[in-house]
C-alpha cells in the first residue's frame, strides 16, 4: 500500500508567499505578485552571492600580500656599486 503525502513546504515557499503578500499589500496585482516576489528574491540572492565573492577575492589578495611580504624579508640585500659607496 502506497501513501501519498503532501510535500512539506520549504523555506523558499514561505519566503515567496510572504513576499507576494507584501507586494499585494503595497498595490501589486495578485497575478503579478508571485512573479515579482520571485524576481525580488532572486535579486537579493544575487546581491548576497556577489558580496560573498567580493569577500573571498579580498581574502585571497590579503593572503597574497602577506606571502609577498614574507618573500621580501627572505630576499638578500645586494651590495651597492662603487659609485654609491664613494658618495
Foldseek 3Di string as FASTA:
>chain_A
DDDDDDDDDDPVNVQLVVQLVVVVVVPDDNVCSSVVSVVVVVVVVVVVVVVVVVVVVVVVVVVVVVVVVVVVVVDDDDDDDPVVVVD
